[in-house]
All heavy atoms as atom14 arrays in JSON, in Angstrom:
{
  "sequence": "LGVHDSRNLLTFEVDTLVPNKQYLLKAKPNENALQLKRVTSGLVKV",
  "atom14_mask": [
    [1, 1, 1, 1, 1, 1, 1, 1, 0, 0, 0, 0, 0, 0],
    [1, 1, 1, 1, 0, 0, 0, 0, 0, 0, 0, 0, 0, 0],
    [1, 1, 1, 1, 1, 1, 1, 0, 0, 0, 0, 0, 0, 0],
    [1, 1, 1, 1, 1, 1, 1, 1, 1, 1, 0, 0, 0, 0],
    [1, 1, 1, 1, 1, 1, 1, 1, 0, 0, 0, 0, 0, 0],
    [1, 1, 1, 1, 1, 1, 0, 0, 0, 0, 0, 0, 0, 0],
    [1, 1, 1, 1, 1, 1, 1, 1, 1, 1, 1, 0, 0, 0],
    [1, 1, 1, 1, 1, 1, 1, 1, 0, 0, 0, 0, 0, 0],
    [1, 1, 1, 1, 1, 1, 1, 1, 0, 0, 0, 0, 0, 0],
    [1, 1, 1, 1, 1, 1, 1, 1, 0, 0, 0, 0, 0, 0],
    [1, 1, 1, 1, 1, 1, 1, 0, 0, 0, 0, 0, 0, 0],
    [1, 1, 1, 1, 1, 1, 1, 1, 1, 1, 1, 0, 0, 0],
    [1, 1, 1, 1, 1, 1, 1, 1, 1, 0, 0, 0, 0, 0],
    [1, 1, 1, 1, 1, 1, 1, 0, 0, 0, 0, 0, 0, 0],
    [1, 1, 1, 1, 1, 1, 1, 1, 0, 0, 0, 0, 0, 0],
    [1, 1, 1, 1, 1, 1, 1, 0, 0, 0, 0, 0, 0, 0],
    [1, 1, 1, 1, 1, 1, 1, 1, 0, 0, 0, 0, 0, 0],
    [1, 1, 1, 1, 1, 1, 1, 0, 0, 0, 0, 0, 0, 0],
    [1, 1, 1, 1, 1, 1, 1, 0, 0, 0, 0, 0, 0, 0],
    [1, 1, 1, 1, 1, 1, 1, 1, 0, 0, 0, 0, 0, 0],
    [1, 1, 1, 1, 1, 1, 1, 1, 1, 0, 0, 0, 0, 0],
    [1, 1, 1, 1, 1, 1, 1, 1, 1, 0, 0, 0, 0, 0],
    [1, 1, 1, 1, 1, 1, 1, 1, 1, 1, 1, 1, 0, 0],
    [1, 1, 1, 1, 1, 1, 1, 1, 0, 0, 0, 0, 0, 0],
    [1, 1, 1, 1, 1, 1, 1, 1, 0, 0, 0, 0, 0, 0],
    [1, 1, 1, 1, 1, 1, 1, 1, 1, 0, 0, 0, 0, 0],
    [1, 1, 1, 1, 1, 0, 0, 0, 0, 0, 0, 0, 0, 0],
    [1, 1, 1, 1, 1, 1, 1, 1, 1, 0, 0, 0, 0, 0],
    [1, 1, 1, 1, 1, 1, 1, 0, 0, 0, 0, 0, 0, 0],
    [1, 1, 1, 1, 1, 1, 1, 1, 0, 0, 0, 0, 0, 0],
    [1, 1, 1, 1, 1, 1, 1, 1, 1, 0, 0, 0, 0, 0],
    [1, 1, 1, 1, 1, 1, 1, 1, 0, 0, 0, 0, 0, 0],
    [1, 1, 1, 1, 1, 0, 0, 0, 0, 0, 0, 0, 0, 0],
    [1, 1, 1, 1, 1, 1, 1, 1, 0, 0, 0, 0, 0, 0],
    [1, 1, 1, 1, 1, 1, 1, 1, 1, 0, 0, 0, 0, 0],
    [1, 1, 1, 1, 1, 1, 1, 1, 0, 0, 0, 0, 0, 0],
    [1, 1, 1, 1, 1, 1, 1, 1, 1, 0, 0, 0, 0, 0],
    [1, 1, 1, 1, 1, 1, 1, 1, 1, 1, 1, 0, 0, 0],
    [1, 1, 1, 1, 1, 1, 1, 0, 0, 0, 0, 0, 0, 0],
    [1, 1, 1, 1, 1, 1, 1, 0, 0, 0, 0, 0, 0, 0],
    [1, 1, 1, 1, 1, 1, 0, 0, 0, 0, 0, 0, 0, 0],
    [1, 1, 1, 1, 0, 0, 0, 0, 0, 0, 0, 0, 0, 0],
    [1, 1, 1, 1, 1, 1, 1, 1, 0, 0, 0, 0, 0, 0],
    [1, 1, 1, 1, 1, 1, 1, 0, 0, 0, 0, 0, 0, 0],
    [1, 1, 1, 1, 1, 1, 1, 1, 1, 0, 0, 0, 0, 0],
    [1, 1, 1, 1, 1, 1, 1, 0, 0, 0, 0, 0, 0, 0]
  ],
  "atom14_positions": [
    [[-34.16, 185.54, 99.59], [-32.84, 185.26, 99.12], [-31.93, 184.63, 100.14], [-30.99, 183.87, 99.87], [-32.18, 186.55, 98.59], [-32.95, 187.23, 97.44], [-32.26, 188.56, 97.15], [-33.04, 186.33, 96.23], [0.0, 0.0, 0.0], [0.0, 0.0, 0.0], [0.0, 0.0, 0.0], [0.0, 0.0, 0.0], [0.0, 0.0, 0.0], [0.0, 0.0, 0.0]],
    [[-32.16, 184.98, 101.43], [-31.32, 184.4, 102.49], [-31.78, 184.8, 103.85], [-32.48, 185.79, 104.03], [0.0, 0.0, 0.0], [0.0, 0.0, 0.0], [0.0, 0.0, 0.0], [0.0, 0.0, 0.0], [0.0, 0.0, 0.0], [0.0, 0.0, 0.0], [0.0, 0.0, 0.0], [0.0, 0.0, 0.0], [0.0, 0.0, 0.0], [0.0, 0.0, 0.0]],
    [[-31.37, 184.06, 104.85], [-31.68, 184.3, 106.25], [-30.34, 184.16, 107.03], [-29.67, 183.19, 106.91], [-32.67, 183.27, 106.8], [-33.1, 183.59, 108.23], [-33.93, 183.28, 105.92], [0.0, 0.0, 0.0], [0.0, 0.0, 0.0], [0.0, 0.0, 0.0], [0.0, 0.0, 0.0], [0.0, 0.0, 0.0], [0.0, 0.0, 0.0], [0.0, 0.0, 0.0]],
    [[-30.06, 185.24, 107.81], [-28.79, 185.25, 108.54], [-29.02, 185.64, 110.01], [-29.76, 186.6, 110.3], [-27.81, 186.24, 107.94], [-27.65, 186.06, 106.46], [-26.88, 185.06, 105.91], [-28.18, 186.7, 105.36], [-26.96, 185.09, 104.64], [-27.72, 186.08, 104.29], [0.0, 0.0, 0.0], [0.0, 0.0, 0.0], [0.0, 0.0, 0.0], [0.0, 0.0, 0.0]],
    [[-28.39, 184.94, 110.92], [-28.46, 185.19, 112.34], [-27.19, 185.93, 112.78], [-26.09, 185.43, 112.55], [-28.65, 183.87, 113.1], [-28.61, 184.0, 114.6], [-28.71, 185.16, 115.11], [-28.45, 182.96, 115.28], [0.0, 0.0, 0.0], [0.0, 0.0, 0.0], [0.0, 0.0, 0.0], [0.0, 0.0, 0.0], [0.0, 0.0, 0.0], [0.0, 0.0, 0.0]],
    [[-27.35, 187.08, 113.41], [-26.18, 187.87, 113.82], [-25.31, 187.18, 114.88], [-24.13, 187.45, 114.99], [-26.62, 189.23, 114.38], [-27.4, 189.09, 115.57], [0.0, 0.0, 0.0], [0.0, 0.0, 0.0], [0.0, 0.0, 0.0], [0.0, 0.0, 0.0], [0.0, 0.0, 0.0], [0.0, 0.0, 0.0], [0.0, 0.0, 0.0], [0.0, 0.0, 0.0]],
    [[-25.88, 186.28, 115.64], [-25.15, 185.64, 116.71], [-24.82, 184.13, 116.44], [-24.2, 183.47, 117.22], [-25.98, 185.67, 118.02], [-26.37, 187.1, 118.46], [-25.21, 187.88, 119.01], [-24.51, 187.27, 120.08], [-24.76, 187.38, 121.37], [-25.74, 188.17, 121.78], [-24.06, 186.79, 122.29], [0.0, 0.0, 0.0], [0.0, 0.0, 0.0], [0.0, 0.0, 0.0]],
    [[-25.26, 183.63, 115.31], [-25.04, 182.22, 114.92], [-25.56, 181.3, 116.01], [-24.88, 180.33, 116.44], [-23.57, 181.98, 114.59], [-23.38, 180.59, 113.98], [-24.3, 180.06, 113.35], [-22.2, 180.02, 114.15], [0.0, 0.0, 0.0], [0.0, 0.0, 0.0], [0.0, 0.0, 0.0], [0.0, 0.0, 0.0], [0.0, 0.0, 0.0], [0.0, 0.0, 0.0]],
    [[-26.76, 181.55, 116.49], [-27.37, 180.75, 117.52], [-28.59, 179.95, 117.02], [-29.13, 179.09, 117.72], [-27.81, 181.58, 118.7], [-26.69, 182.35, 119.45], [-27.23, 183.27, 120.47], [-25.7, 181.37, 120.08], [0.0, 0.0, 0.0], [0.0, 0.0, 0.0], [0.0, 0.0, 0.0], [0.0, 0.0, 0.0], [0.0, 0.0, 0.0], [0.0, 0.0, 0.0]],
    [[-29.07, 180.29, 115.84], [-30.27, 179.65, 115.27], [-29.98, 178.93, 113.98], [-29.14, 179.34, 113.2], [-31.32, 180.74, 114.99], [-31.81, 181.51, 116.2], [-32.76, 182.61, 115.79], [-32.42, 180.67, 117.28], [0.0, 0.0, 0.0], [0.0, 0.0, 0.0], [0.0, 0.0, 0.0], [0.0, 0.0, 0.0], [0.0, 0.0, 0.0], [0.0, 0.0, 0.0]],
    [[-30.73, 177.88, 113.77], [-30.75, 177.15, 112.5], [-32.12, 177.41, 111.84], [-33.12, 177.44, 112.56], [-30.52, 175.65, 112.73], [-29.26, 175.47, 113.39], [-30.56, 174.85, 111.4], [0.0, 0.0, 0.0], [0.0, 0.0, 0.0], [0.0, 0.0, 0.0], [0.0, 0.0, 0.0], [0.0, 0.0, 0.0], [0.0, 0.0, 0.0], [0.0, 0.0, 0.0]],
    [[-32.14, 177.6, 110.52], [-33.36, 177.92, 109.84], [-33.76, 176.88, 108.85], [-32.92, 176.29, 108.17], [-33.24, 179.26, 109.16], [-32.94, 180.4, 110.05], [-31.6, 180.83, 110.2], [-33.91, 181.02, 110.77], [-31.31, 181.86, 111.0], [-33.62, 182.07, 111.58], [-32.31, 182.52, 111.72], [0.0, 0.0, 0.0], [0.0, 0.0, 0.0], [0.0, 0.0, 0.0]],
    [[-35.06, 176.71, 108.69], [-35.66, 175.99, 107.59], [-36.61, 176.99, 106.92], [-37.22, 177.78, 107.59], [-36.5, 174.79, 108.06], [-35.72, 173.6, 108.49], [-36.75, 172.44, 108.86], [-37.76, 172.29, 108.2], [-36.4, 171.78, 109.81], [0.0, 0.0, 0.0], [0.0, 0.0, 0.0], [0.0, 0.0, 0.0], [0.0, 0.0, 0.0], [0.0, 0.0, 0.0]],
    [[-36.68, 177.01, 105.59], [-37.56, 177.91, 104.87], [-38.49, 177.07, 104.01], [-38.05, 176.18, 103.23], [-36.77, 178.87, 103.97], [-37.7, 179.79, 103.21], [-35.79, 179.69, 104.82], [0.0, 0.0, 0.0], [0.0, 0.0, 0.0], [0.0, 0.0, 0.0], [0.0, 0.0, 0.0], [0.0, 0.0, 0.0], [0.0, 0.0, 0.0], [0.0, 0.0, 0.0]],
    [[-39.8, 177.26, 104.2], [-40.82, 176.59, 103.39], [-41.49, 177.64, 102.56], [-41.82, 178.73, 103.06], [-41.83, 175.88, 104.28], [-41.23, 174.71, 105.04], [-40.29, 174.12, 104.58], [-41.81, 174.38, 106.15], [0.0, 0.0, 0.0], [0.0, 0.0, 0.0], [0.0, 0.0, 0.0], [0.0, 0.0, 0.0], [0.0, 0.0, 0.0], [0.0, 0.0, 0.0]],
    [[-41.75, 177.35, 101.31], [-42.55, 178.23, 100.43], [-44.01, 177.87, 100.57], [-44.41, 176.74, 100.31], [-42.08, 178.11, 98.98], [-40.68, 178.38, 98.91], [-42.84, 179.0, 98.07], [0.0, 0.0, 0.0], [0.0, 0.0, 0.0], [0.0, 0.0, 0.0], [0.0, 0.0, 0.0], [0.0, 0.0, 0.0], [0.0, 0.0, 0.0], [0.0, 0.0, 0.0]],
    [[-44.81, 178.78, 101.08], [-46.26, 178.56, 101.19], [-46.98, 178.92, 99.93], [-47.82, 178.15, 99.45], [-46.78, 179.38, 102.37], [-46.15, 179.06, 103.78], [-46.75, 179.97, 104.82], [-46.36, 177.6, 104.12], [0.0, 0.0, 0.0], [0.0, 0.0, 0.0], [0.0, 0.0, 0.0], [0.0, 0.0, 0.0], [0.0, 0.0, 0.0], [0.0, 0.0, 0.0]],
    [[-46.67, 180.11, 99.39], [-47.26, 180.59, 98.11], [-46.06, 181.15, 97.32], [-45.47, 182.14, 97.8], [-48.36, 181.66, 98.32], [-48.87, 182.12, 96.95], [-49.5, 181.11, 99.14], [0.0, 0.0, 0.0], [0.0, 0.0, 0.0], [0.0, 0.0, 0.0], [0.0, 0.0, 0.0], [0.0, 0.0, 0.0], [0.0, 0.0, 0.0], [0.0, 0.0, 0.0]],
    [[-45.66, 180.54, 96.25], [-44.49, 181.03, 95.52], [-44.57, 182.55, 95.25], [-45.6, 183.07, 94.78], [-44.5, 180.24, 94.21], [-45.25, 178.99, 94.55], [-46.33, 179.4, 95.57], [0.0, 0.0, 0.0], [0.0, 0.0, 0.0], [0.0, 0.0, 0.0], [0.0, 0.0, 0.0], [0.0, 0.0, 0.0], [0.0, 0.0, 0.0], [0.0, 0.0, 0.0]],
    [[-43.44, 183.24, 95.56], [-43.29, 184.68, 95.34], [-44.22, 185.54, 96.2], [-44.3, 186.75, 96.02], [-43.51, 185.1, 93.87], [-42.59, 184.32, 92.96], [-41.37, 184.22, 93.24], [-43.08, 183.79, 91.89], [0.0, 0.0, 0.0], [0.0, 0.0, 0.0], [0.0, 0.0, 0.0], [0.0, 0.0, 0.0], [0.0, 0.0, 0.0], [0.0, 0.0, 0.0]],
    [[-44.89, 184.94, 97.22], [-45.82, 185.71, 98.05], [-45.7, 185.4, 99.55], [-45.74, 186.31, 100.36], [-47.29, 185.38, 97.65], [-47.73, 185.86, 96.3], [-48.03, 187.31, 96.34], [-48.64, 187.81, 95.04], [-48.78, 189.25, 94.98], [0.0, 0.0, 0.0], [0.0, 0.0, 0.0], [0.0, 0.0, 0.0], [0.0, 0.0, 0.0], [0.0, 0.0, 0.0]],
    [[-45.53, 184.17, 99.89], [-45.51, 183.81, 101.33], [-44.46, 182.7, 101.61], [-44.39, 181.73, 100.88], [-46.85, 183.25, 101.82], [-47.99, 184.21, 101.82], [-49.26, 183.67, 102.41], [-49.22, 182.68, 103.15], [-50.35, 184.2, 102.06], [0.0, 0.0, 0.0], [0.0, 0.0, 0.0], [0.0, 0.0, 0.0], [0.0, 0.0, 0.0], [0.0, 0.0, 0.0]],
    [[-43.69, 182.93, 102.66], [-42.66, 181.97, 103.06], [-42.8, 181.8, 104.58], [-43.23, 182.68, 105.34], [-41.28, 182.51, 102.8], [-41.02, 182.73, 101.33], [-41.34, 183.95, 100.7], [-40.52, 181.73, 100.52], [-41.15, 184.14, 99.35], [-40.34, 181.93, 99.17], [-40.65, 183.16, 98.6], [-40.44, 183.34, 97.24], [0.0, 0.0, 0.0], [0.0, 0.0, 0.0]],
    [[-42.48, 180.61, 105.04], [-42.5, 180.27, 106.46], [-41.09, 179.99, 106.92], [-40.44, 179.05, 106.37], [-43.4, 179.08, 106.7], [-43.59, 178.64, 108.15], [-44.34, 179.72, 108.92], [-44.31, 177.31, 108.25], [0.0, 0.0, 0.0], [0.0, 0.0, 0.0], [0.0, 0.0, 0.0], [0.0, 0.0, 0.0], [0.0, 0.0, 0.0], [0.0, 0.0, 0.0]],
    [[-40.62, 180.75, 107.84], [-39.26, 180.53, 108.48], [-39.48, 179.73, 109.72], [-40.31, 180.07, 110.55], [-38.55, 181.83, 108.82], [-38.36, 182.88, 107.74], [-37.67, 184.04, 108.32], [-37.52, 182.25, 106.63], [0.0, 0.0, 0.0], [0.0, 0.0, 0.0], [0.0, 0.0, 0.0], [0.0, 0.0, 0.0], [0.0, 0.0, 0.0], [0.0, 0.0, 0.0]],
    [[-38.72, 178.65, 109.92], [-38.72, 177.91, 111.12], [-37.36, 178.04, 111.77], [-36.34, 177.64, 111.16], [-39.0, 176.43, 110.83], [-40.42, 176.21, 110.31], [-40.62, 174.72, 110.04], [-41.95, 174.48, 109.42], [-42.19, 173.05, 109.09], [0.0, 0.0, 0.0], [0.0, 0.0, 0.0], [0.0, 0.0, 0.0], [0.0, 0.0, 0.0], [0.0, 0.0, 0.0]],
    [[-37.28, 178.69, 112.91], [-36.0, 178.9, 113.63], [-35.94, 177.96, 114.8], [-36.88, 177.8, 115.54], [-35.92, 180.38, 114.02], [0.0, 0.0, 0.0], [0.0, 0.0, 0.0], [0.0, 0.0, 0.0], [0.0, 0.0, 0.0], [0.0, 0.0, 0.0], [0.0, 0.0, 0.0], [0.0, 0.0, 0.0], [0.0, 0.0, 0.0], [0.0, 0.0, 0.0]],
    [[-34.75, 177.41, 114.97], [-34.51, 176.5, 116.07], [-33.1, 176.76, 116.67], [-32.16, 176.97, 115.92], [-34.59, 175.06, 115.55], [-34.41, 173.99, 116.47], [-34.6, 172.64, 115.72], [-34.33, 171.49, 116.6], [-34.52, 170.23, 115.9], [0.0, 0.0, 0.0], [0.0, 0.0, 0.0], [0.0, 0.0, 0.0], [0.0, 0.0, 0.0], [0.0, 0.0, 0.0]],
    [[-32.99, 176.78, 117.97], [-31.64, 176.94, 118.55], [-30.66, 175.85, 118.12], [-31.07, 174.68, 118.04], [-31.87, 176.86, 120.09], [-33.33, 177.17, 120.25], [-34.01, 176.68, 119.02], [0.0, 0.0, 0.0], [0.0, 0.0, 0.0], [0.0, 0.0, 0.0], [0.0, 0.0, 0.0], [0.0, 0.0, 0.0], [0.0, 0.0, 0.0], [0.0, 0.0, 0.0]],
    [[-29.45, 176.25, 117.81], [-28.48, 175.23, 117.39], [-27.55, 174.89, 118.6], [-27.78, 175.32, 119.72], [-27.7, 175.73, 116.18], [-26.92, 176.99, 116.43], [-26.52, 177.26, 117.58], [-26.67, 177.76, 115.36], [0.0, 0.0, 0.0], [0.0, 0.0, 0.0], [0.0, 0.0, 0.0], [0.0, 0.0, 0.0], [0.0, 0.0, 0.0], [0.0, 0.0, 0.0]],
    [[-26.49, 174.15, 118.3], [-25.6, 173.72, 119.35], [-24.95, 174.9, 120.09], [-24.66, 174.83, 121.29], [-24.46, 172.85, 118.79], [-24.95, 171.48, 118.39], [-25.46, 170.66, 119.59], [-24.78, 170.7, 120.65], [-26.52, 170.03, 119.48], [0.0, 0.0, 0.0], [0.0, 0.0, 0.0], [0.0, 0.0, 0.0], [0.0, 0.0, 0.0], [0.0, 0.0, 0.0]],
    [[-24.66, 176.01, 119.37], [-24.11, 177.18, 120.04], [-25.05, 177.75, 121.15], [-24.58, 178.17, 122.15], [-23.81, 178.29, 119.02], [-22.71, 177.85, 117.98], [-21.9, 177.03, 118.28], [-22.84, 178.39, 116.82], [0.0, 0.0, 0.0], [0.0, 0.0, 0.0], [0.0, 0.0, 0.0], [0.0, 0.0, 0.0], [0.0, 0.0, 0.0], [0.0, 0.0, 0.0]],
    [[-26.34, 177.76, 120.83], [-27.32, 178.24, 121.8], [-27.35, 177.38, 123.06], [-27.61, 177.91, 124.15], [-28.69, 178.31, 121.14], [0.0, 0.0, 0.0], [0.0, 0.0, 0.0], [0.0, 0.0, 0.0], [0.0, 0.0, 0.0], [0.0, 0.0, 0.0], [0.0, 0.0, 0.0], [0.0, 0.0, 0.0], [0.0, 0.0, 0.0], [0.0, 0.0, 0.0]],
    [[-27.12, 176.09, 122.92], [-27.21, 175.21, 124.11], [-26.04, 175.42, 125.03], [-26.13, 174.99, 126.17], [-27.25, 173.74, 123.63], [-28.51, 173.37, 122.79], [-28.43, 171.91, 122.33], [-29.76, 173.65, 123.55], [0.0, 0.0, 0.0], [0.0, 0.0, 0.0], [0.0, 0.0, 0.0], [0.0, 0.0, 0.0], [0.0, 0.0, 0.0], [0.0, 0.0, 0.0]],
    [[-25.0, 176.13, 124.62], [-23.89, 176.45, 125.45], [-24.04, 177.74, 126.27], [-23.18, 178.09, 127.09], [-22.58, 176.52, 124.64], [-22.29, 175.32, 123.76], [-22.24, 174.05, 124.59], [-21.66, 173.96, 125.61], [-22.88, 172.98, 124.07], [0.0, 0.0, 0.0], [0.0, 0.0, 0.0], [0.0, 0.0, 0.0], [0.0, 0.0, 0.0], [0.0, 0.0, 0.0]],
    [[-25.11, 178.46, 126.0], [-25.32, 179.8, 126.68], [-25.48, 179.64, 128.16], [-26.01, 178.68, 128.62], [-26.54, 180.46, 126.07], [-26.49, 180.87, 124.63], [-27.84, 181.38, 124.15], [-25.42, 181.94, 124.4], [0.0, 0.0, 0.0], [0.0, 0.0, 0.0], [0.0, 0.0, 0.0], [0.0, 0.0, 0.0], [0.0, 0.0, 0.0], [0.0, 0.0, 0.0]],
    [[-24.99, 180.68, 128.85], [-25.11, 180.71, 130.29], [-26.06, 181.8, 130.78], [-26.33, 181.91, 131.97], [-23.71, 180.96, 130.96], [-22.67, 179.93, 130.54], [-22.91, 178.61, 131.21], [-21.8, 177.68, 130.93], [-22.21, 176.35, 130.8], [0.0, 0.0, 0.0], [0.0, 0.0, 0.0], [0.0, 0.0, 0.0], [0.0, 0.0, 0.0], [0.0, 0.0, 0.0]],
    [[-26.5, 182.62, 129.87], [-27.39, 183.74, 130.26], [-28.37, 184.07, 129.12], [-28.19, 183.58, 127.98], [-26.59, 184.98, 130.64], [-25.75, 185.5, 129.52], [-24.84, 186.65, 130.0], [-23.83, 186.99, 129.04], [-24.01, 187.76, 127.98], [-25.13, 188.28, 127.73], [-23.02, 188.02, 127.18], [0.0, 0.0, 0.0], [0.0, 0.0, 0.0], [0.0, 0.0, 0.0]],
    [[-29.4, 184.87, 129.46], [-30.35, 185.33, 128.4], [-29.59, 186.08, 127.35], [-28.71, 186.88, 127.66], [-31.42, 186.19, 129.07], [-32.37, 186.77, 128.03], [-32.22, 185.37, 130.07], [0.0, 0.0, 0.0], [0.0, 0.0, 0.0], [0.0, 0.0, 0.0], [0.0, 0.0, 0.0], [0.0, 0.0, 0.0], [0.0, 0.0, 0.0], [0.0, 0.0, 0.0]],
    [[-29.93, 185.82, 126.07], [-29.2, 186.43, 124.96], [-30.16, 186.91, 123.91], [-31.22, 186.29, 123.64], [-28.24, 185.37, 124.31], [-27.38, 184.91, 125.34], [-27.43, 185.98, 123.23], [0.0, 0.0, 0.0], [0.0, 0.0, 0.0], [0.0, 0.0, 0.0], [0.0, 0.0, 0.0], [0.0, 0.0, 0.0], [0.0, 0.0, 0.0], [0.0, 0.0, 0.0]],
    [[-29.82, 188.03, 123.31], [-30.65, 188.59, 122.23], [-29.86, 188.59, 120.94], [-28.63, 188.54, 120.95], [-31.06, 190.06, 122.56], [-31.86, 190.08, 123.71], [0.0, 0.0, 0.0], [0.0, 0.0, 0.0], [0.0, 0.0, 0.0], [0.0, 0.0, 0.0], [0.0, 0.0, 0.0], [0.0, 0.0, 0.0], [0.0, 0.0, 0.0], [0.0, 0.0, 0.0]],
    [[-30.55, 188.6, 119.86], [-29.88, 188.65, 118.52], [-30.8, 189.23, 117.49], [-31.92, 189.67, 117.75], [0.0, 0.0, 0.0], [0.0, 0.0, 0.0], [0.0, 0.0, 0.0], [0.0, 0.0, 0.0], [0.0, 0.0, 0.0], [0.0, 0.0, 0.0], [0.0, 0.0, 0.0], [0.0, 0.0, 0.0], [0.0, 0.0, 0.0], [0.0, 0.0, 0.0]],
    [[-30.26, 189.27, 116.27], [-31.0, 189.85, 115.13], [-30.94, 188.92, 113.95], [-29.86, 188.37, 113.62], [-30.39, 191.18, 114.76], [-31.0, 191.96, 113.63], [-32.37, 192.46, 114.09], [-30.08, 193.1, 113.23], [0.0, 0.0, 0.0], [0.0, 0.0, 0.0], [0.0, 0.0, 0.0], [0.0, 0.0, 0.0], [0.0, 0.0, 0.0], [0.0, 0.0, 0.0]],
    [[-32.06, 188.7, 113.33], [-32.17, 187.89, 112.13], [-32.43, 188.8, 110.97], [-33.34, 189.65, 111.03], [-33.29, 186.85, 112.23], [-33.46, 186.08, 110.92], [-33.03, 185.85, 113.36], [0.0, 0.0, 0.0], [0.0, 0.0, 0.0], [0.0, 0.0, 0.0], [0.0, 0.0, 0.0], [0.0, 0.0, 0.0], [0.0, 0.0, 0.0], [0.0, 0.0, 0.0]],
    [[-31.62, 188.73, 109.91], [-31.82, 189.5, 108.72], [-32.33, 188.62, 107.62], [-31.71, 187.57, 107.32], [-30.47, 190.15, 108.26], [-30.05, 191.23, 109.21], [-28.82, 191.94, 108.69], [-28.45, 192.99, 109.68], [-27.41, 193.92, 109.14], [0.0, 0.0, 0.0], [0.0, 0.0, 0.0], [0.0, 0.0, 0.0], [0.0, 0.0, 0.0], [0.0, 0.0, 0.0]],
    [[-33.49, 188.98, 107.07], [-34.12, 188.22, 106.0], [-33.93, 189.07, 104.7], [-34.41, 190.18, 104.66], [-35.59, 187.95, 106.29], [-36.25, 187.18, 105.16], [-35.8, 187.28, 107.61], [0.0, 0.0, 0.0], [0.0, 0.0, 0.0], [0.0, 0.0, 0.0], [0.0, 0.0, 0.0], [0.0, 0.0, 0.0], [0.0, 0.0, 0.0], [0.0, 0.0, 0.0]]
  ]
}
């Protein structure tokens, strides 16, 4: 139903591999992540 990043540092693409059974999330750092000055952790809620 949705994918959310707690820190707004990632951009997601979602591909359906097998309908109603398997999905592939592709996460990529966005512009906010490129501004970071230190190691950062976050949480993704699916």
